[in-house]
Amino acid sequence: MDAPGSSAAIPLPLQGSDSDARLQQLGISPQRLADALDRGESAAREADVFHPVTAAGTARWMETVHTLRAGLVLDGWSTNDERNAPRIIDPNGRVAILPVHGNAATGVADQTPKTARARGPVTSRAVQITGQLELALDLRTLISQPTGENRGELATWFLLYHRSANDGLRAELSLPIEVNDQNVVVGWKERILLPPRTYDAYQVIPRDAGGDDDSFDFPVAAH
């Protein structure tokens, strides 16, 4: 279901010094994001042919989550695992971050990224909340009242990442605003592009069947 009043139009992505300034405004250390992405890369490389085919992607996601949260907690953030969504929330209770695997358009300024697989109900709810907040902000603007802050809801940003054999790891911190009928995030209210992470060229990316089981949508057979 698409968020009310949203569209998949490409927002102008922030890059370079503009990206740094926006992260500072949000109270997010760029180094915390870089450390998390690098640790995820290291964890993915521990997978070999004896692991399940989803091991590299799942290990990348798990260690990205762990390192991001462990780092930001030192900056006063707090962990939150409501409905098994491993978010980290800023001290003001306004911004949450959730690492998510993106498709090949991730980190590319003139393309619109999507999440790499259909999201679970927790992510869909986060996007619905973001859409509702945007609609409320527009309404307040129309009636010329101060925007203020909705203390009852969080804006959940995605630390969206994609590992490419040719381009290293591209990532962005982006605010989802639209999901399609397949429950894939396809629209973004804001995109903050991060510097690409490059790794040793001689190292081979471990096989990955599109893991990153971050929505916990595992099928269960009835017996």
C-alpha atoms as a PDB file:
ATOM      1  CA  MET A   1       0.000   0.000   0.000  1.00  0.00           C
ATOM      2  CA  ASP A   2       1.387   3.372  -0.961  1.00  0.00           C
ATOM      3  CA  ALA A   3       1.687   6.152   1.603  1.00  0.00           C
ATOM      4  CA  PRO A   4      -0.937   8.907   1.217  1.00  0.00           C
ATOM      5  CA  GLY A   5       0.081  11.699  -1.112  1.00  0.00           C
ATOM      6  CA  SER A   6       3.447  10.129  -1.957  1.00  0.00           C
ATOM      7  CA  SER A   7       5.149   9.412  -5.250  1.00  0.00           C
ATOM      8  CA  ALA A   8       8.233   7.594  -6.454  1.00  0.00           C
ATOM      9  CA  ALA A   9       9.786  10.787  -7.854  1.00  0.00           C
ATOM     10  CA  ILE A  10      13.513  11.054  -7.285  1.00  0.00           C
ATOM     11  CA  PRO A  11      14.325  13.561  -4.532  1.00  0.00           C
ATOM     12  CA  LEU A  12      17.499  15.569  -4.944  1.00  0.00           C
ATOM     13  CA  PRO A  13      20.115  13.460  -3.116  1.00  0.00           C
ATOM     14  CA  LEU A  14      22.529  15.172  -0.776  1.00  0.00           C
ATOM     15  CA  GLN A  15      26.205  14.508  -1.447  1.00  0.00           C
ATOM     16  CA  GLY A  16      29.614  15.588  -0.178  1.00  0.00           C
ATOM     17  CA  SER A  17      29.563  18.517   2.242  1.00  0.00           C
ATOM     18  CA  ASP A  18      25.762  18.754   1.986  1.00  0.00           C
ATOM     19  CA  SER A  19      25.530  15.138   3.126  1.00  0.00           C
ATOM     20  CA  ASP A  20      27.859  15.802   6.070  1.00  0.00           C
ATOM     21  CA  ALA A  21      25.873  18.869   7.099  1.00  0.00           C
ATOM     22  CA  ARG A  22      22.574  16.966   7.043  1.00  0.00           C
ATOM     23  CA  LEU A  23      24.018  14.111   9.095  1.00  0.00           C
ATOM     24  CA  GLN A  24      25.289  16.615  11.638  1.00  0.00           C
ATOM     25  CA  GLN A  25      21.824  18.167  11.770  1.00  0.00           C
ATOM     26  CA  LEU A  26      20.355  14.732  12.496  1.00  0.00           C
ATOM     27  CA  GLY A  27      22.991  14.098  15.162  1.00  0.00           C
ATOM     28  CA  ILE A  28      24.543  11.172  13.296  1.00  0.00           C
ATOM     29  CA  SER A  29      28.291  10.585  13.168  1.00  0.00           C
ATOM     30  CA  PRO A  30      29.400   9.628   9.611  1.00  0.00           C
ATOM     31  CA  GLN A  31      32.122   7.496  11.174  1.00  0.00           C
ATOM     32  CA  ARG A  32      29.537   5.361  12.980  1.00  0.00           C
ATOM     33  CA  LEU A  33      27.899   4.609   9.634  1.00  0.00           C
ATOM     34  CA  ALA A  34      31.238   3.842   7.967  1.00  0.00           C
ATOM     35  CA  ASP A  35      32.313   1.541  10.797  1.00  0.00           C
ATOM     36  CA  ALA A  36      29.051  -0.402  10.561  1.00  0.00           C
ATOM     37  CA  LEU A  37      29.340  -0.860   6.798  1.00  0.00           C
ATOM     38  CA  ASP A  38      32.970  -1.977   7.056  1.00  0.00           C
ATOM     39  CA  ARG A  39      32.207  -4.495   9.784  1.00  0.00           C
ATOM     40  CA  GLY A  40      29.371  -5.885   7.688  1.00  0.00           C
ATOM     41  CA  GLU A  41      31.793  -6.366   4.804  1.00  0.00           C
ATOM     42  CA  SER A  42      34.246  -8.182   7.051  1.00  0.00           C
ATOM     43  CA  ALA A  43      31.531 -10.478   8.384  1.00  0.00           C
ATOM     44  CA  ALA A  44      30.272 -11.322   4.897  1.00  0.00           C
ATOM     45  CA  ARG A  45      33.768 -12.446   3.889  1.00  0.00           C
ATOM     46  CA  GLU A  46      33.752 -15.099   6.591  1.00  0.00           C
ATOM     47  CA  ALA A  47      31.173 -17.100   4.634  1.00  0.00           C
ATOM     48  CA  ASP A  48      32.500 -19.935   2.471  1.00  0.00           C
ATOM     49  CA  VAL A  49      31.133 -22.738   0.285  1.00  0.00           C
ATOM     50  CA  PHE A  50      30.126 -24.763   3.330  1.00  0.00           C
ATOM     51  CA  HIS A  51      27.741 -22.075   4.589  1.00  0.00           C
ATOM     52  CA  PRO A  52      24.134 -21.736   3.376  1.00  0.00           C
ATOM     53  CA  VAL A  53      23.896 -19.559   0.262  1.00  0.00           C
ATOM     54  CA  THR A  54      22.278 -16.764   2.285  1.00  0.00           C
ATOM     55  CA  ALA A  55      25.077 -16.709   4.881  1.00  0.00           C
ATOM     56  CA  ALA A  56      27.114 -13.801   3.484  1.00  0.00           C
ATOM     57  CA  GLY A  57      24.147 -11.458   3.170  1.00  0.00           C
ATOM     58  CA  THR A  58      22.714 -12.397   6.535  1.00  0.00           C
ATOM     59  CA  ALA A  59      26.083 -12.018   8.277  1.00  0.00           C
ATOM     60  CA  ARG A  60      26.591  -8.634   6.606  1.00  0.00           C
ATOM     61  CA  TRP A  61      23.226  -7.379   7.822  1.00  0.00           C
ATOM     62  CA  MET A  62      23.610  -8.732  11.363  1.00  0.00           C
ATOM     63  CA  GLU A  63      27.051  -7.219  11.918  1.00  0.00           C
ATOM     64  CA  THR A  64      26.063  -3.925  10.290  1.00  0.00           C
ATOM     65  CA  VAL A  65      23.179  -3.713  12.756  1.00  0.00           C
ATOM     66  CA  HIS A  66      25.381  -4.695  15.704  1.00  0.00           C
ATOM     67  CA  THR A  67      28.206  -2.256  14.961  1.00  0.00           C
ATOM     68  CA  LEU A  68      25.865   0.632  14.182  1.00  0.00           C
ATOM     69  CA  ARG A  69      23.927   0.212  17.398  1.00  0.00           C
ATOM     70  CA  ALA A  70      26.960  -0.453  19.582  1.00  0.00           C
ATOM     71  CA  GLY A  71      28.582   2.709  18.243  1.00  0.00           C
ATOM     72  CA  LEU A  72      25.596   5.033  18.473  1.00  0.00           C
ATOM     73  CA  VAL A  73      24.789   3.893  22.009  1.00  0.00           C
ATOM     74  CA  LEU A  74      28.082   5.510  22.994  1.00  0.00           C
ATOM     75  CA  ASP A  75      26.661   8.755  21.563  1.00  0.00           C
ATOM     76  CA  GLY A  76      23.567   8.561  23.755  1.00  0.00           C
ATOM     77  CA  TRP A  77      21.267   6.671  21.384  1.00  0.00           C
ATOM     78  CA  SER A  78      19.145   3.734  22.595  1.00  0.00           C
ATOM     79  CA  THR A  79      18.295   0.363  21.103  1.00  0.00           C
ATOM     80  CA  ASN A  80      14.746  -0.633  20.251  1.00  0.00           C
ATOM     81  CA  ASP A  81      13.563  -4.078  19.136  1.00  0.00           C
ATOM     82  CA  GLU A  82       9.834  -3.602  18.905  1.00  0.00           C
ATOM     83  CA  ARG A  83       8.365  -6.460  16.853  1.00  0.00           C
ATOM     84  CA  ASN A  84      11.935  -7.694  16.188  1.00  0.00           C
ATOM     85  CA  ALA A  85      12.914  -4.613  14.142  1.00  0.00           C
ATOM     86  CA  PRO A  86      16.435  -3.777  15.395  1.00  0.00           C
ATOM     87  CA  ARG A  87      16.387   0.000  15.349  1.00  0.00           C
ATOM     88  CA  ILE A  88      18.584   2.532  17.123  1.00  0.00           C
ATOM     89  CA  ILE A  89      16.895   5.719  18.331  1.00  0.00           C
ATOM     90  CA  ASP A  90      18.417   9.147  18.888  1.00  0.00           C
ATOM     91  CA  PRO A  91      18.349  10.786  22.361  1.00  0.00           C
ATOM     92  CA  ASN A  92      15.469  13.091  21.366  1.00  0.00           C
ATOM     93  CA  GLY A  93      13.251  10.226  20.239  1.00  0.00           C
ATOM     94  CA  ARG A  94      12.801  11.716  16.782  1.00  0.00           C
ATOM     95  CA  VAL A  95      15.116   9.691  14.532  1.00  0.00           C
ATOM     96  CA  ALA A  96      15.524   5.925  14.224  1.00  0.00           C
ATOM     97  CA  ILE A  97      17.892   4.031  11.911  1.00  0.00           C
ATOM     98  CA  LEU A  98      17.439   0.551  10.488  1.00  0.00           C
ATOM     99  CA  PRO A  99      20.072  -1.067   8.194  1.00  0.00           C
ATOM    100  CA  VAL A 100      18.483  -2.543   5.064  1.00  0.00           C
ATOM    101  CA  HIS A 101      19.839  -4.260   1.932  1.00  0.00           C
ATOM    102  CA  GLY A 102      19.154  -2.159  -1.184  1.00  0.00           C
ATOM    103  CA  ASN A 103      19.221  -2.916  -4.903  1.00  0.00           C
ATOM    104  CA  ALA A 104      21.851  -1.829  -7.454  1.00  0.00           C
ATOM    105  CA  ALA A 105      20.505   1.739  -7.603  1.00  0.00           C
ATOM    106  CA  THR A 106      21.529   2.305  -3.983  1.00  0.00           C
ATOM    107  CA  GLY A 107      23.948   5.197  -3.646  1.00  0.00           C
ATOM    108  CA  VAL A 108      23.448   6.307  -7.272  1.00  0.00           C
ATOM    109  CA  ALA A 109      22.359   9.947  -7.464  1.00  0.00           C
ATOM    110  CA  ASP A 110      20.332   9.778 -10.686  1.00  0.00           C
ATOM    111  CA  GLN A 111      18.503   6.539  -9.923  1.00  0.00           C
ATOM    112  CA  THR A 112      15.780   5.589  -7.452  1.00  0.00           C
ATOM    113  CA  PRO A 113      16.835   2.745  -5.172  1.00  0.00           C
ATOM    114  CA  LYS A 114      14.539   0.068  -3.835  1.00  0.00           C
ATOM    115  CA  THR A 115      14.855  -2.376  -1.003  1.00  0.00           C
ATOM    116  CA  ALA A 116      16.345  -5.605  -2.296  1.00  0.00           C
ATOM    117  CA  ARG A 117      13.445  -7.779  -1.218  1.00  0.00           C
ATOM    118  CA  ALA A 118       9.908  -7.436   0.066  1.00  0.00           C
ATOM    119  CA  ARG A 119       9.853  -6.067   3.578  1.00  0.00           C
ATOM    120  CA  GLY A 120       8.099  -7.478   6.589  1.00  0.00           C
ATOM    121  CA  PRO A 121       5.152  -5.854   8.391  1.00  0.00           C
ATOM    122  CA  VAL A 122       7.402  -3.872  10.734  1.00  0.00           C
ATOM    123  CA  THR A 123       9.058  -2.042   7.846  1.00  0.00           C
ATOM    124  CA  SER A 124       5.732  -1.418   6.143  1.00  0.00           C
ATOM    125  CA  ARG A 125       4.454   0.134   9.348  1.00  0.00           C
ATOM    126  CA  ALA A 126       7.517   2.378   9.559  1.00  0.00           C
ATOM    127  CA  VAL A 127       6.866   3.646   6.020  1.00  0.00           C
ATOM    128  CA  GLN A 128       3.194   4.239   6.799  1.00  0.00           C
ATOM    129  CA  ILE A 129       4.208   6.282   9.851  1.00  0.00           C
ATOM    130  CA  THR A 130       6.630   8.356   7.765  1.00  0.00           C
ATOM    131  CA  GLY A 131       3.911   9.029   5.197  1.00  0.00           C
ATOM    132  CA  GLN A 132       1.442  10.065   7.877  1.00  0.00           C
ATOM    133  CA  LEU A 133       3.976  12.450   9.383  1.00  0.00           C
ATOM    134  CA  GLU A 134       4.678  14.026   6.004  1.00  0.00           C
ATOM    135  CA  LEU A 135       0.964  14.496   5.407  1.00  0.00           C
ATOM    136  CA  ALA A 136       0.592  16.086   8.863  1.00  0.00           C
ATOM    137  CA  LEU A 137       3.491  18.453   8.210  1.00  0.00           C
ATOM    138  CA  ASP A 138       1.928  19.551   4.915  1.00  0.00           C
ATOM    139  CA  LEU A 139      -1.385  20.173   6.654  1.00  0.00           C
ATOM    140  CA  ARG A 140       0.232  22.275   9.370  1.00  0.00           C
ATOM    141  CA  THR A 141       1.968  24.343   6.680  1.00  0.00           C
ATOM    142  CA  LEU A 142      -1.349  24.993   4.952  1.00  0.00           C
ATOM    143  CA  ILE A 143      -2.936  26.318   8.134  1.00  0.00           C
ATOM    144  CA  SER A 144       0.202  28.340   9.010  1.00  0.00           C
ATOM    145  CA  GLN A 145       0.816  26.714  12.367  1.00  0.00           C
ATOM    146  CA  PRO A 146       4.250  25.804  13.784  1.00  0.00           C
ATOM    147  CA  THR A 147       5.256  22.308  12.738  1.00  0.00           C
ATOM    148  CA  GLY A 148       6.505  21.177  16.172  1.00  0.00           C
ATOM    149  CA  GLU A 149       7.270  17.497  16.661  1.00  0.00           C
ATOM    150  CA  ASN A 150       4.995  14.485  16.893  1.00  0.00           C
ATOM    151  CA  ARG A 151       6.388  12.824  20.012  1.00  0.00           C
ATOM    152  CA  GLY A 152       4.257   9.729  19.462  1.00  0.00           C
ATOM    153  CA  GLU A 153       5.983   8.566  16.270  1.00  0.00           C
ATOM    154  CA  LEU A 154       9.522   8.176  14.978  1.00  0.00           C
ATOM    155  CA  ALA A 155      10.946   8.928  11.553  1.00  0.00           C
ATOM    156  CA  THR A 156      12.670   5.670  10.666  1.00  0.00           C
ATOM    157  CA  TRP A 157      15.577   6.137   8.268  1.00  0.00           C
ATOM    158  CA  PHE A 158      17.118   3.243   6.350  1.00  0.00           C
ATOM    159  CA  LEU A 159      20.868   2.742   6.197  1.00  0.00           C
ATOM    160  CA  LEU A 160      20.524   1.347   2.692  1.00  0.00           C
ATOM    161  CA  TYR A 161      23.533  -0.535   1.289  1.00  0.00           C
ATOM    162  CA  HIS A 162      24.475  -2.529  -1.810  1.00  0.00           C
ATOM    163  CA  ARG A 163      27.647  -4.533  -2.477  1.00  0.00           C
ATOM    164  CA  SER A 164      28.855  -4.537  -6.092  1.00  0.00           C
ATOM    165  CA  ALA A 165      31.767  -6.456  -7.571  1.00  0.00           C
ATOM    166  CA  ASN A 166      32.772  -3.403  -9.616  1.00  0.00           C
ATOM    167  CA  ASP A 167      31.938  -0.456  -7.360  1.00  0.00           C
ATOM    168  CA  GLY A 168      32.613  -1.712  -3.851  1.00  0.00           C
ATOM    169  CA  LEU A 169      29.866  -0.951  -1.371  1.00  0.00           C
ATOM    170  CA  ARG A 170      27.482   1.936  -1.985  1.00  0.00           C
ATOM    171  CA  ALA A 171      25.255   3.243   0.776  1.00  0.00           C
ATOM    172  CA  GLU A 172      22.886   6.025   1.699  1.00  0.00           C
ATOM    173  CA  LEU A 173      20.823   7.087   4.681  1.00  0.00           C
ATOM    174  CA  SER A 174      17.342   7.573   3.296  1.00  0.00           C
ATOM    175  CA  LEU A 175      13.833   8.180   4.584  1.00  0.00           C
ATOM    176  CA  PRO A 176      11.246   5.808   3.048  1.00  0.00           C
ATOM    177  CA  ILE A 177       7.919   7.218   1.999  1.00  0.00           C
ATOM    178  CA  GLU A 178       6.360   4.706  -0.440  1.00  0.00           C
ATOM    179  CA  VAL A 179       5.941   0.961  -0.769  1.00  0.00           C
ATOM    180  CA  ASN A 180       4.459  -0.836  -3.779  1.00  0.00           C
ATOM    181  CA  ASP A 181       1.975  -3.697  -3.923  1.00  0.00           C
ATOM    182  CA  GLN A 182       4.829  -6.178  -3.529  1.00  0.00           C
ATOM    183  CA  ASN A 183       5.777  -4.528  -0.234  1.00  0.00           C
ATOM    184  CA  VAL A 184       9.037  -3.174  -1.649  1.00  0.00           C
ATOM    185  CA  VAL A 185      10.104   0.334  -0.693  1.00  0.00           C
ATOM    186  CA  VAL A 186      10.218   2.348  -3.938  1.00  0.00           C
ATOM    187  CA  GLY A 187       9.960   5.987  -2.856  1.00  0.00           C
ATOM    188  CA  TRP A 188      12.026   8.213  -0.610  1.00  0.00           C
ATOM    189  CA  LYS A 189      11.295  11.525   1.043  1.00  0.00           C
ATOM    190  CA  GLU A 190      14.983  12.292   1.523  1.00  0.00           C
ATOM    191  CA  ARG A 191      18.271  10.689   0.456  1.00  0.00           C
ATOM    192  CA  ILE A 192      21.696  11.294   1.993  1.00  0.00           C
ATOM    193  CA  LEU A 193      24.387   9.628  -0.115  1.00  0.00           C
ATOM    194  CA  LEU A 194      27.422   8.306   1.740  1.00  0.00           C
ATOM    195  CA  PRO A 195      30.966   7.992   0.370  1.00  0.00           C
ATOM    196  CA  PRO A 196      31.428   4.613  -1.381  1.00  0.00           C
ATOM    197  CA  ARG A 197      33.414   2.013   0.516  1.00  0.00           C
ATOM    198  CA  THR A 198      36.154   0.364  -1.549  1.00  0.00           C
ATOM    199  CA  TYR A 199      37.867  -2.871  -0.568  1.00  0.00           C
ATOM    200  CA  ASP A 200      40.820  -4.913  -1.798  1.00  0.00           C
ATOM    201  CA  ALA A 201      40.248  -5.768  -5.450  1.00  0.00           C
ATOM    202  CA  TYR A 202      41.773  -9.224  -5.133  1.00  0.00           C
ATOM    203  CA  GLN A 203      39.175 -10.341  -2.609  1.00  0.00           C
ATOM    204  CA  VAL A 204      36.217 -12.212  -4.063  1.00  0.00           C
ATOM    205  CA  ILE A 205      32.736 -11.402  -2.823  1.00  0.00           C
ATOM    206  CA  PRO A 206      31.237 -14.470  -1.107  1.00  0.00           C
ATOM    207  CA  ARG A 207      28.279 -16.046  -2.831  1.00  0.00           C
ATOM    208  CA  ASP A 208      24.971 -14.644  -1.667  1.00  0.00           C
ATOM    209  CA  ALA A 209      21.550 -15.773  -2.818  1.00  0.00           C
ATOM    210  CA  GLY A 210      20.009 -12.467  -1.800  1.00  0.00           C
ATOM    211  CA  GLY A 211      20.059 -13.139   1.935  1.00  0.00           C
ATOM    212  CA  ASP A 212      19.817 -10.280   4.410  1.00  0.00           C
ATOM    213  CA  ASP A 213      16.915 -11.901   6.168  1.00  0.00           C
ATOM    214  CA  ASP A 214      16.195  -8.684   8.007  1.00  0.00           C
ATOM    215  CA  SER A 215      12.414  -8.825   7.886  1.00  0.00           C
ATOM    216  CA  PHE A 216      12.194 -12.246   9.538  1.00  0.00           C
ATOM    217  CA  ASP A 217       9.660 -13.515   7.000  1.00  0.00           C
ATOM    218  CA  PHE A 218      10.550 -17.182   7.307  1.00  0.00           C
ATOM    219  CA  PRO A 219       7.966 -19.679   5.966  1.00  0.00           C
ATOM    220  CA  VAL A 220       6.731 -22.231   8.464  1.00  0.00           C
ATOM    221  CA  ALA A 221       5.234 -25.486   7.223  1.00  0.00           C
ATOM    222  CA  ALA A 222       2.223 -26.870   9.046  1.00  0.00           C
ATOM    223  CA  HIS A 223       2.413 -30.442  10.276  1.00  0.00           C
END
